[in-house]
C-alpha atoms as a PDB file:
ATOM      1  CA  UNK A   1     112.334  94.204 126.115  1.00  0.00           C
ATOM      2  CA  UNK A   2     111.117  97.525 124.839  1.00  0.00           C
ATOM      3  CA  UNK A   3     108.767  97.576 121.895  1.00  0.00           C
ATOM      4  CA  UNK A   4     110.022 101.012 120.839  1.00  0.00           C
ATOM      5  CA  UNK A   5     113.519  99.642 120.280  1.00  0.00           C
ATOM      6  CA  UNK A   6     112.295  96.917 117.926  1.00  0.00           C
ATOM      7  CA  UNK A   7     109.988  99.353 116.150  1.00  0.00           C
ATOM      8  CA  UNK A   8     112.812 101.824 115.581  1.00  0.00           C
ATOM      9  CA  UNK A   9     115.036  99.018 114.300  1.00  0.00           C
ATOM     10  CA  UNK A  10     112.384  97.831 111.844  1.00  0.00           C
ATOM     11  CA  UNK A  11     111.667 101.411 110.780  1.00  0.00           C
ATOM     12  CA  UNK A  12     115.342 102.124 110.114  1.00  0.00           C
ATOM     13  CA  UNK A  13     115.636  98.864 108.177  1.00  0.00           C
ATOM     14  CA  UNK A  14     112.609  99.742 106.036  1.00  0.00           C
ATOM     15  CA  UNK A  15     113.920 103.243 105.348  1.00  0.00           C
ATOM     16  CA  UNK A  16     117.332 101.866 104.444  1.00  0.00           C
ATOM     17  CA  UNK A  17     115.844  99.255 102.100  1.00  0.00           C
ATOM     18  CA  UNK A  18     113.596 101.865 100.473  1.00  0.00           C
ATOM     19  CA  UNK A  19     116.564 104.204  99.996  1.00  0.00           C
ATOM     20  CA  UNK A  20     118.615 101.433  98.399  1.00  0.00           C
ATOM     21  CA  UNK A  21     115.674 100.512  96.161  1.00  0.00           C
ATOM     22  CA  UNK A  22     115.218 104.104  94.986  1.00  0.00           C
ATOM     23  CA  UNK A  23     118.965 104.468  94.452  1.00  0.00           C
ATOM     24  CA  UNK A  24     119.191 101.280  92.365  1.00  0.00           C
ATOM     25  CA  UNK A  25     115.938 101.883  90.468  1.00  0.00           C
ATOM     26  CA  UNK A  26     117.331 104.324  87.814  1.00  0.00           C
ATOM     27  CA  UNK A  27     120.209 101.927  87.042  1.00  0.00           C
ATOM     28  CA  UNK A  28     117.885  98.980  86.442  1.00  0.00           C
ATOM     29  CA  UNK A  29     116.671  98.520  82.835  1.00  0.00           C
END
């Protein structure tokens, strides 16, 4: 197993979750 692969997967997941959070933030009251 390569650590870089898991790190890149976690990084992409964090970026995706942050993007979704910022996109849904203005719509939330």
